[in-house]
Amino acid sequence: MRLWLVCALVLGLMPPVAAPAQECTFSAGWVRTENAKAGNKGWDIDVPMRFSADFSRRKEVKRVEGYFDQTSIGCGHSATLHIVGAKTADISLYRIGYYKGAGARLITTIKNAKQITATQSTPPGQYLVKLKSPGYRSSFVPLLITGQVPSDVTFISSVLTWQAYNQWGGASLYKGADGHRETRATSVSFNRPYDGDGAGQFRYMEQPLVQLMEQLSLDINYITDVDLDKAPEINSASIVLGGHSEFWTQSMRDVIEKEINQGTNLLVFGGNTAYAKTDLIDRTMSNRIPYRDINQPESSFLGSAFFAVGIKKDLEVQATDRWPFKVVAKVGTIKGIYGYEADTAMGTKGPGVEVLARATISPTEKGFVAMSTYYAAPSGAGVLNLGTNAWVCAMANRCPWGHLFDAVSMQHIRKVTIAIIEQSGREKIGKWRVPYIDIPTRP
């Protein structure tokens, strides 16, 4: 009897054995199979797109909003939903993709939900969770579902940048509730909704690119930059970044530089990339210092670096007979695509680069000009930086600075994007497309 009692006490003190994580299997070609399914047109009609941060001017109305306790989850894991504004909410879980032009597929609808669990029924990808509650205006909550699957590309969603600009509750890392930089926050938390429509910067800085990649049937690994901070193994030919990936931890940067040195291509469809060093502890971001101020300019691995804000310039193709601008060589110019923030290789440190395209300038202008650059690392990795954070938002004519694009310009942007993405599954692009160096190495 005593022995039984001792054993019972010991067993009671032992931690419970964790249930085995659910296994999810996605074979090569899974994105094509997924996008052959019917999508849901009008999935976002009751949540009009609203820009985040400085560009959010929303009326104070009753809203149901929320946030998850994690930015991403993998198979068998769950994220807890925290609802703000209403006591309860029904949710609709949408996966973003192409879906024959619909743009998203409804995975499930749940009443009074508190958790989302990743299963075989929730393929990897970017999800927007729509919250609904009677008497309240609806909003989205982003959640990314990861999965190490056979892939051409690892797409990194830049949630750190979204959060740095997030004005929900009054303050961001840029300004306070009064709109002044002097009252800005020194740290911001992921434990709050995003302002705007609740989706952060996803709907204009990443969604058009994600939908195009899925339309082209690329197999994709989806991760956030919070995942990248944890130094995962990248098992893809290329890493792809969207229109605005400004805030990077040191760990993120170390992973990217290691991957380039090992032959992984880096394809950047944005500008002002990897500019600001930040710290991430648990779910709190703090500090903002330009990498160049600690002698680590982003140009040292991107080839070019942020130099201008508030501009709008036309793009002039330089490499008219070479990838990727060859597809618009006869046109020669894409109107208004450089801005609102833009990069250049002039006056920077880094490897020798080919200038694929550059901004138009008037005879009276002097100084640096915006550029799209390309170089091959010694490993054979190709590193392409389009150098403008208007590129992705222009694909859908959704740029937050009042920049508008005509149908012809949007078509040209899309053609170049397709030319790049079609090669993203190719290993060591730098060996396939050898750059013609225009600006030599700058030590």
Protein backbone atom coordinates (compact mmCIF):
# COMPACT_ATOMS: atom_id res chain seq x y z
CA MET A 1 0.00 0.00 0.00
CA ARG A 2 2.82 2.41 0.93
CA LEU A 3 4.69 1.54 -2.29
CA TRP A 4 1.58 2.25 -4.35
CA LEU A 5 1.10 5.59 -2.59
CA VAL A 6 4.73 6.64 -3.19
CA CYS A 7 4.48 5.70 -6.85
CA ALA A 8 1.25 7.66 -7.21
CA LEU A 9 2.83 10.74 -5.63
CA VAL A 10 5.89 10.53 -7.88
CA LEU A 11 3.77 10.09 -11.00
CA GLY A 12 1.62 13.03 -9.91
CA LEU A 13 4.67 15.26 -9.75
CA MET A 14 5.91 14.28 -13.20
CA PRO A 15 4.99 16.58 -16.11
CA PRO A 16 2.31 15.21 -18.41
CA VAL A 17 3.50 13.48 -21.57
CA ALA A 18 2.84 15.77 -24.52
CA ALA A 19 0.58 14.42 -27.20
CA PRO A 20 2.43 13.81 -30.44
CA ALA A 21 2.14 16.71 -32.85
CA GLN A 22 -0.15 16.11 -35.78
CA GLU A 23 1.62 15.29 -39.01
CA CYS A 24 0.78 17.26 -42.14
CA THR A 25 2.02 16.16 -45.54
CA PHE A 26 2.18 18.36 -48.61
CA SER A 27 3.79 16.91 -51.70
CA ALA A 28 5.55 18.78 -54.49
CA GLY A 29 2.94 20.59 -56.56
CA TRP A 30 0.69 21.25 -53.58
CA VAL A 31 0.28 24.96 -54.42
CA ARG A 32 -1.03 24.11 -57.88
CA THR A 33 -3.46 21.61 -56.36
CA GLU A 34 -4.56 24.09 -53.71
CA ASN A 35 -5.24 26.88 -56.20
CA ALA A 36 -7.29 24.58 -58.41
CA LYS A 37 -9.93 24.70 -55.66
CA ALA A 38 -12.77 27.19 -55.79
CA GLY A 39 -12.08 30.53 -54.17
CA ASN A 40 -14.54 32.98 -52.66
CA LYS A 41 -15.10 36.17 -54.63
CA GLY A 42 -16.04 39.13 -52.48
CA TRP A 43 -14.33 37.62 -49.46
CA ASP A 44 -13.11 41.06 -48.36
CA ILE A 45 -15.99 43.23 -49.50
CA ASP A 46 -17.20 43.97 -45.97
CA VAL A 47 -13.69 44.92 -44.76
CA PRO A 48 -12.54 47.73 -47.08
CA MET A 49 -8.77 48.01 -47.29
CA ARG A 50 -7.39 50.66 -44.96
CA PHE A 51 -3.74 51.63 -44.91
CA SER A 52 -1.82 51.20 -41.71
CA ALA A 53 0.26 53.69 -39.70
CA ASP A 54 0.60 57.25 -40.95
CA PHE A 55 -1.90 56.56 -43.71
CA SER A 56 -4.71 55.32 -41.43
CA ARG A 57 -7.37 57.95 -40.90
CA ARG A 58 -10.24 55.87 -39.69
CA LYS A 59 -13.40 57.11 -38.03
CA GLU A 60 -13.99 56.16 -34.43
CA VAL A 61 -16.76 53.61 -34.76
CA LYS A 62 -17.56 50.42 -32.89
CA ARG A 63 -15.24 47.69 -34.17
CA VAL A 64 -14.52 44.11 -33.35
CA GLU A 65 -10.75 43.66 -33.55
CA GLY A 66 -8.23 41.13 -32.35
CA TYR A 67 -4.78 39.64 -32.28
CA PHE A 68 -3.27 36.18 -31.92
CA ASP A 69 -0.75 35.24 -29.26
CA GLN A 70 1.59 34.10 -32.05
CA THR A 71 2.36 35.52 -35.48
CA SER A 72 2.63 32.04 -36.99
CA ILE A 73 1.94 28.41 -36.17
CA GLY A 74 2.98 25.07 -37.62
CA CYS A 75 1.13 21.80 -38.06
CA GLY A 76 -0.46 20.53 -34.83
CA HIS A 77 -0.01 23.83 -33.01
CA SER A 78 -2.61 26.41 -32.03
CA ALA A 79 -2.84 30.19 -31.77
CA THR A 80 -5.14 31.83 -29.24
CA LEU A 81 -7.31 34.70 -30.43
CA HIS A 82 -7.77 37.73 -28.21
CA ILE A 83 -10.84 39.81 -29.10
CA VAL A 84 -10.98 43.56 -28.54
CA GLY A 85 -14.05 45.81 -28.72
CA ALA A 86 -16.71 43.13 -28.55
CA LYS A 87 -17.27 40.32 -26.06
CA THR A 88 -17.38 37.58 -28.69
CA ALA A 89 -16.90 37.21 -32.42
CA ASP A 90 -17.50 34.70 -35.16
CA ILE A 91 -14.55 34.09 -37.41
CA SER A 92 -14.04 33.20 -41.05
CA LEU A 93 -10.63 31.76 -41.86
CA TYR A 94 -9.42 32.72 -45.35
CA ARG A 95 -6.24 31.48 -47.01
CA ILE A 96 -4.74 33.98 -49.46
CA GLY A 97 -3.84 32.64 -52.89
CA TYR A 98 -4.83 32.91 -56.52
CA TYR A 99 -7.85 30.58 -56.67
CA LYS A 100 -8.74 31.36 -60.30
CA GLY A 101 -8.70 35.07 -59.58
CA ALA A 102 -10.86 35.04 -56.45
CA GLY A 103 -7.82 35.80 -54.28
CA ALA A 104 -8.75 33.75 -51.21
CA ARG A 105 -10.46 30.53 -50.12
CA LEU A 106 -12.71 30.16 -47.10
CA ILE A 107 -11.28 27.32 -45.03
CA THR A 108 -13.79 27.32 -42.19
CA THR A 109 -16.22 29.46 -40.20
CA ILE A 110 -16.36 29.12 -36.42
CA LYS A 111 -18.73 30.73 -33.92
CA ASN A 112 -17.25 32.33 -30.82
CA ALA A 113 -13.79 31.04 -31.66
CA LYS A 114 -10.85 31.36 -29.31
CA GLN A 115 -8.24 29.22 -31.06
CA ILE A 116 -7.04 28.25 -34.51
CA THR A 117 -5.16 24.96 -34.93
CA ALA A 118 -3.03 24.17 -37.98
CA THR A 119 -3.96 20.81 -39.53
CA GLN A 120 -3.85 19.05 -42.86
CA SER A 121 -6.92 21.15 -43.75
CA THR A 122 -4.98 24.42 -43.35
CA PRO A 123 -2.16 24.36 -45.93
CA PRO A 124 0.85 26.63 -45.35
CA GLY A 125 0.25 30.21 -46.31
CA GLN A 126 -0.85 33.64 -45.23
CA TYR A 127 -4.28 33.67 -43.64
CA LEU A 128 -6.58 36.56 -42.85
CA VAL A 129 -9.13 35.85 -40.15
CA LYS A 130 -12.29 37.93 -40.50
CA LEU A 131 -13.97 38.87 -37.22
CA LYS A 132 -17.71 39.50 -37.13
CA SER A 133 -19.94 40.57 -34.26
CA PRO A 134 -23.49 42.02 -34.47
CA GLY A 135 -23.46 45.79 -34.16
CA TYR A 136 -19.70 46.07 -34.78
CA ARG A 137 -17.67 46.82 -37.88
CA SER A 138 -15.67 43.79 -39.03
CA SER A 139 -11.89 43.61 -39.31
CA PHE A 140 -9.10 41.17 -40.20
CA VAL A 141 -6.45 39.52 -38.08
CA PRO A 142 -3.38 38.08 -39.88
CA LEU A 143 -2.01 34.63 -39.07
CA LEU A 144 0.65 32.77 -41.02
CA ILE A 145 0.76 28.96 -41.12
CA THR A 146 4.21 27.56 -41.71
CA GLY A 147 5.26 24.21 -43.07
CA GLN A 148 8.55 22.77 -44.22
CA VAL A 149 7.44 21.52 -47.61
CA PRO A 150 9.26 20.92 -50.90
CA SER A 151 9.68 24.46 -52.15
CA ASP A 152 11.10 26.78 -54.77
CA VAL A 153 10.81 29.82 -52.55
CA THR A 154 10.76 30.84 -48.91
CA PHE A 155 8.54 33.89 -48.61
CA ILE A 156 9.15 36.04 -45.55
CA SER A 157 6.27 38.13 -44.24
CA SER A 158 7.60 41.30 -42.64
CA VAL A 159 5.47 41.54 -39.50
CA LEU A 160 8.19 43.39 -37.55
CA THR A 161 7.86 46.31 -39.94
CA TRP A 162 4.06 46.20 -39.71
CA GLN A 163 4.28 46.37 -35.93
CA ALA A 164 6.87 49.16 -35.88
CA TYR A 165 4.45 51.38 -37.83
CA ASN A 166 1.30 50.15 -36.06
CA GLN A 167 -0.49 53.13 -34.50
CA TRP A 168 -3.17 51.10 -32.69
CA GLY A 169 -3.57 52.36 -29.14
CA GLY A 170 -1.86 55.64 -29.95
CA ALA A 171 1.87 55.13 -30.40
CA SER A 172 4.24 53.46 -32.86
CA LEU A 173 8.02 53.48 -33.07
CA TYR A 174 7.60 56.55 -35.30
CA LYS A 175 5.11 58.81 -33.56
CA GLY A 176 2.84 59.24 -30.58
CA ALA A 177 -0.90 59.76 -30.30
CA ASP A 178 -0.44 63.46 -31.02
CA GLY A 179 1.26 62.65 -34.34
CA HIS A 180 4.67 63.91 -33.26
CA ARG A 181 7.94 62.00 -33.34
CA GLU A 182 8.89 63.38 -29.94
CA THR A 183 6.14 61.31 -28.29
CA ARG A 184 6.79 58.07 -30.17
CA ALA A 185 7.04 54.80 -28.28
CA THR A 186 10.40 53.28 -27.37
CA SER A 187 8.90 49.79 -27.58
CA VAL A 188 5.79 48.24 -29.10
CA SER A 189 3.99 44.99 -28.42
CA PHE A 190 2.47 42.34 -30.65
CA ASN A 191 -0.25 41.98 -28.02
CA ARG A 192 -2.56 44.43 -29.77
CA PRO A 193 -4.50 44.60 -33.03
CA TYR A 194 -3.12 46.32 -36.11
CA ASP A 195 -4.63 49.65 -37.08
CA GLY A 196 -6.12 50.30 -40.51
CA ASP A 197 -8.22 47.26 -41.45
CA GLY A 198 -6.43 44.97 -38.98
CA ALA A 199 -4.21 43.26 -41.58
CA GLY A 200 -1.09 45.34 -40.99
CA GLN A 201 0.66 46.16 -44.27
CA PHE A 202 -0.10 42.77 -45.82
CA ARG A 203 -2.88 43.72 -48.22
CA TYR A 204 -0.80 46.24 -50.14
CA MET A 205 2.86 45.38 -49.46
CA GLU A 206 2.67 41.59 -49.82
CA GLN A 207 -0.70 40.24 -51.00
CA PRO A 208 -0.31 41.14 -54.72
CA LEU A 209 3.04 39.32 -54.81
CA VAL A 210 1.80 36.29 -52.87
CA GLN A 211 -1.16 35.88 -55.20
CA LEU A 212 1.08 36.09 -58.27
CA MET A 213 3.50 33.49 -56.90
CA GLU A 214 0.61 31.12 -56.26
CA GLN A 215 -0.85 31.82 -59.70
CA LEU A 216 2.49 30.69 -61.16
CA SER A 217 2.23 27.48 -59.08
CA LEU A 218 5.45 27.94 -57.15
CA ASP A 219 5.81 25.68 -54.15
CA ILE A 220 6.34 28.06 -51.25
CA ASN A 221 7.54 27.92 -47.67
CA TYR A 222 5.85 30.69 -45.70
CA ILE A 223 7.50 32.17 -42.62
CA THR A 224 7.44 35.51 -40.80
CA ASP A 225 10.51 37.50 -39.88
CA VAL A 226 9.78 36.52 -36.27
CA ASP A 227 10.40 32.92 -37.41
CA LEU A 228 13.52 34.08 -39.25
CA ASP A 229 14.80 35.60 -36.01
CA LYS A 230 14.87 32.06 -34.57
CA ALA A 231 17.42 31.05 -37.23
CA PRO A 232 15.55 28.34 -39.17
CA GLU A 233 17.05 26.28 -41.95
CA ILE A 234 16.03 27.68 -45.34
CA ASN A 235 15.44 24.79 -47.72
CA SER A 236 14.58 26.71 -50.87
CA ALA A 237 16.42 27.96 -53.93
CA SER A 238 15.39 31.56 -53.23
CA ILE A 239 14.29 33.84 -50.42
CA VAL A 240 11.68 36.43 -51.42
CA LEU A 241 10.78 39.66 -49.61
CA GLY A 242 7.84 41.94 -50.33
CA GLY A 243 7.49 45.70 -50.56
CA HIS A 244 8.48 46.83 -47.06
CA SER A 245 10.88 44.89 -44.83
CA GLU A 246 12.61 47.69 -42.97
CA PHE A 247 13.08 46.28 -39.44
CA TRP A 248 15.50 43.40 -38.92
CA THR A 249 17.00 41.83 -35.82
CA GLN A 250 20.67 40.94 -35.89
CA SER A 251 19.73 37.26 -35.95
CA MET A 252 17.58 37.77 -39.05
CA ARG A 253 20.42 39.47 -40.84
CA ASP A 254 22.90 36.75 -39.82
CA VAL A 255 20.60 34.07 -41.28
CA ILE A 256 20.15 35.90 -44.59
CA GLU A 257 23.87 36.55 -45.01
CA LYS A 258 24.64 32.92 -44.20
CA GLU A 259 22.10 31.74 -46.77
CA ILE A 260 23.57 34.00 -49.49
CA ASN A 261 27.03 32.66 -48.66
CA GLN A 262 25.69 29.13 -49.08
CA GLY A 263 24.13 29.82 -52.50
CA THR A 264 20.54 30.80 -51.69
CA ASN A 265 19.22 33.58 -53.94
CA LEU A 266 17.75 36.74 -52.40
CA LEU A 267 15.01 38.50 -54.41
CA VAL A 268 13.78 41.77 -52.91
CA PHE A 269 10.60 43.34 -54.32
CA GLY A 270 10.86 46.40 -52.09
CA GLY A 271 12.90 49.32 -50.91
CA ASN A 272 14.27 50.51 -47.56
CA THR A 273 14.99 46.84 -46.82
CA ALA A 274 16.99 45.81 -43.72
CA TYR A 275 17.55 49.44 -42.84
CA ALA A 276 16.67 49.47 -39.13
CA LYS A 277 18.14 47.22 -36.46
CA THR A 278 15.64 46.32 -33.76
CA ASP A 279 15.50 44.01 -30.74
CA LEU A 280 12.78 41.41 -30.24
CA ILE A 281 12.24 39.92 -26.80
CA ASP A 282 9.21 37.67 -26.41
CA ARG A 283 6.50 39.72 -28.19
CA THR A 284 7.98 43.18 -27.70
CA MET A 285 10.03 45.19 -30.19
CA SER A 286 12.31 47.91 -28.94
CA ASN A 287 15.01 50.21 -30.26
CA ARG A 288 15.59 51.41 -33.79
CA ILE A 289 19.03 52.19 -35.12
CA PRO A 290 20.16 52.25 -38.75
CA TYR A 291 22.54 49.38 -39.49
CA ARG A 292 24.85 51.83 -41.24
CA ASP A 293 25.29 53.61 -37.88
CA ILE A 294 26.94 50.47 -36.48
CA ASN A 295 29.08 49.96 -39.60
CA GLN A 296 26.80 47.30 -41.08
CA PRO A 297 25.15 49.09 -44.01
CA GLU A 298 22.48 47.02 -45.71
CA SER A 299 24.29 47.54 -49.02
CA SER A 300 27.01 45.16 -47.85
CA PHE A 301 24.73 42.23 -48.69
CA LEU A 302 21.94 43.86 -50.74
CA GLY A 303 24.26 45.71 -53.10
CA SER A 304 22.34 48.97 -52.63
CA ALA A 305 20.81 50.87 -49.73
CA PHE A 306 18.01 53.24 -48.76
CA PHE A 307 18.74 56.88 -49.64
CA ALA A 308 15.53 58.83 -50.30
CA VAL A 309 12.01 59.26 -48.97
CA GLY A 310 9.09 61.13 -50.50
CA ILE A 311 10.10 60.76 -54.14
CA LYS A 312 8.24 59.70 -57.27
CA LYS A 313 10.41 58.93 -60.29
CA ASP A 314 10.08 57.00 -63.53
CA LEU A 315 12.23 53.91 -64.04
CA GLU A 316 14.54 53.72 -67.05
CA VAL A 317 15.64 50.23 -68.05
CA GLN A 318 19.43 49.90 -68.39
CA ALA A 319 19.77 46.16 -69.05
CA THR A 320 17.49 46.18 -72.07
CA ASP A 321 18.65 42.81 -73.42
CA ARG A 322 19.05 40.96 -70.12
CA TRP A 323 16.93 39.38 -67.36
CA PRO A 324 14.66 40.51 -65.86
CA PHE A 325 13.89 43.83 -67.61
CA LYS A 326 14.30 42.36 -71.09
CA VAL A 327 10.53 41.72 -71.10
CA VAL A 328 9.89 45.50 -71.18
CA ALA A 329 12.96 46.52 -73.16
CA LYS A 330 10.97 48.02 -76.03
CA VAL A 331 9.11 50.21 -73.58
CA GLY A 332 12.17 51.33 -71.70
CA THR A 333 10.34 53.27 -68.99
CA ILE A 334 7.95 52.40 -66.16
CA LYS A 335 6.20 55.53 -64.92
CA GLY A 336 6.36 56.61 -61.30
CA ILE A 337 7.62 53.36 -59.82
CA TYR A 338 10.54 54.71 -57.74
CA GLY A 339 9.19 55.92 -54.40
CA TYR A 340 7.88 56.60 -51.82
CA GLU A 341 11.20 55.28 -50.44
CA ALA A 342 13.99 54.18 -52.75
CA ASP A 343 17.50 52.71 -52.77
CA THR A 344 20.76 53.42 -54.59
CA ALA A 345 24.22 51.89 -54.93
CA MET A 346 25.86 55.30 -55.17
CA GLY A 347 27.83 56.38 -52.12
CA THR A 348 27.47 53.00 -50.43
CA LYS A 349 29.70 50.11 -49.38
CA GLY A 350 29.30 46.65 -50.84
CA PRO A 351 29.93 44.26 -53.71
CA GLY A 352 30.13 45.36 -57.32
CA VAL A 353 26.66 45.57 -58.86
CA GLU A 354 24.94 45.75 -62.20
CA VAL A 355 22.46 48.61 -62.49
CA LEU A 356 19.40 46.96 -64.01
CA ALA A 357 17.39 50.17 -64.01
CA ARG A 358 17.61 53.67 -62.61
CA ALA A 359 15.43 56.69 -62.05
CA THR A 360 14.94 59.33 -64.67
CA ILE A 361 16.53 62.66 -63.80
CA SER A 362 16.13 66.17 -65.13
CA PRO A 363 19.15 68.15 -66.41
CA THR A 364 19.12 70.30 -63.26
CA GLU A 365 19.20 67.39 -60.81
CA LYS A 366 22.41 66.41 -59.11
CA GLY A 367 23.43 63.74 -56.66
CA PHE A 368 22.30 60.14 -56.18
CA VAL A 369 19.54 58.45 -58.16
CA ALA A 370 17.28 55.51 -57.35
CA MET A 371 18.43 52.16 -58.73
CA SER A 372 17.46 48.51 -59.13
CA THR A 373 20.61 46.44 -58.67
CA TYR A 374 21.87 42.88 -59.11
CA TYR A 375 25.02 40.98 -58.24
CA ALA A 376 26.29 37.42 -57.90
CA ALA A 377 27.79 36.34 -54.58
CA PRO A 378 30.93 34.13 -54.62
CA SER A 379 28.63 31.21 -53.75
CA GLY A 380 26.71 31.72 -57.00
CA ALA A 381 23.66 33.18 -55.27
CA GLY A 382 21.91 35.93 -57.19
CA VAL A 383 20.94 39.01 -55.17
CA LEU A 384 18.38 41.29 -56.81
CA ASN A 385 17.06 44.43 -55.15
CA LEU A 386 14.37 46.35 -57.01
CA GLY A 387 15.01 49.25 -54.65
CA THR A 388 11.53 50.78 -54.29
CA ASN A 389 8.74 50.03 -51.86
CA ALA A 390 6.18 50.98 -54.52
CA TRP A 391 6.78 47.82 -56.55
CA VAL A 392 4.33 45.43 -54.89
CA CYS A 393 1.60 47.94 -54.05
CA ALA A 394 1.73 49.22 -57.63
CA MET A 395 0.88 45.73 -58.90
CA ALA A 396 -2.63 46.29 -57.52
CA ASN A 397 -2.59 50.11 -57.59
CA ARG A 398 -2.79 50.18 -53.78
CA CYS A 399 0.05 52.45 -52.74
CA PRO A 400 -0.55 54.44 -49.55
CA TRP A 401 1.11 57.72 -50.53
CA GLY A 402 -1.36 58.83 -53.18
CA HIS A 403 0.76 57.39 -56.01
CA LEU A 404 -1.47 56.00 -58.73
CA PHE A 405 -0.48 53.81 -61.67
CA ASP A 406 -2.09 53.43 -65.07
CA ALA A 407 -2.95 50.06 -66.57
CA VAL A 408 0.09 50.07 -68.86
CA SER A 409 2.55 50.63 -66.00
CA MET A 410 0.86 47.95 -63.91
CA GLN A 411 1.19 45.52 -66.83
CA HIS A 412 4.90 46.26 -67.17
CA ILE A 413 5.50 45.80 -63.43
CA ARG A 414 3.67 42.51 -63.55
CA LYS A 415 5.71 41.29 -66.56
CA VAL A 416 9.02 41.99 -64.81
CA THR A 417 7.74 40.36 -61.61
CA ILE A 418 6.78 37.23 -63.52
CA ALA A 419 10.18 37.10 -65.22
CA ILE A 420 11.85 37.18 -61.79
CA ILE A 421 9.50 34.72 -60.10
CA GLU A 422 9.75 32.23 -62.96
CA GLN A 423 13.46 31.88 -62.19
CA SER A 424 13.13 31.82 -58.39
CA GLY A 425 13.20 28.03 -58.23
CA ARG A 426 16.55 28.02 -60.05
CA GLU A 427 19.52 27.34 -57.79
CA LYS A 428 22.34 29.89 -57.80
CA ILE A 429 20.85 32.38 -60.23
CA GLY A 430 24.18 34.25 -60.21
CA LYS A 431 25.79 31.44 -62.21
CA TRP A 432 22.94 31.33 -64.72
CA ARG A 433 22.64 35.10 -65.17
CA VAL A 434 26.14 36.54 -64.77
CA PRO A 435 25.96 40.25 -63.89
CA TYR A 436 27.66 43.00 -65.90
CA ILE A 437 29.24 45.15 -63.21
CA ASP A 438 28.51 48.87 -63.57
CA ILE A 439 29.50 50.01 -60.08
CA PRO A 440 32.59 48.22 -58.76
CA THR A 441 33.17 46.90 -55.27
CA ARG A 442 33.05 49.68 -52.66
CA PRO A 443 35.09 48.68 -49.58
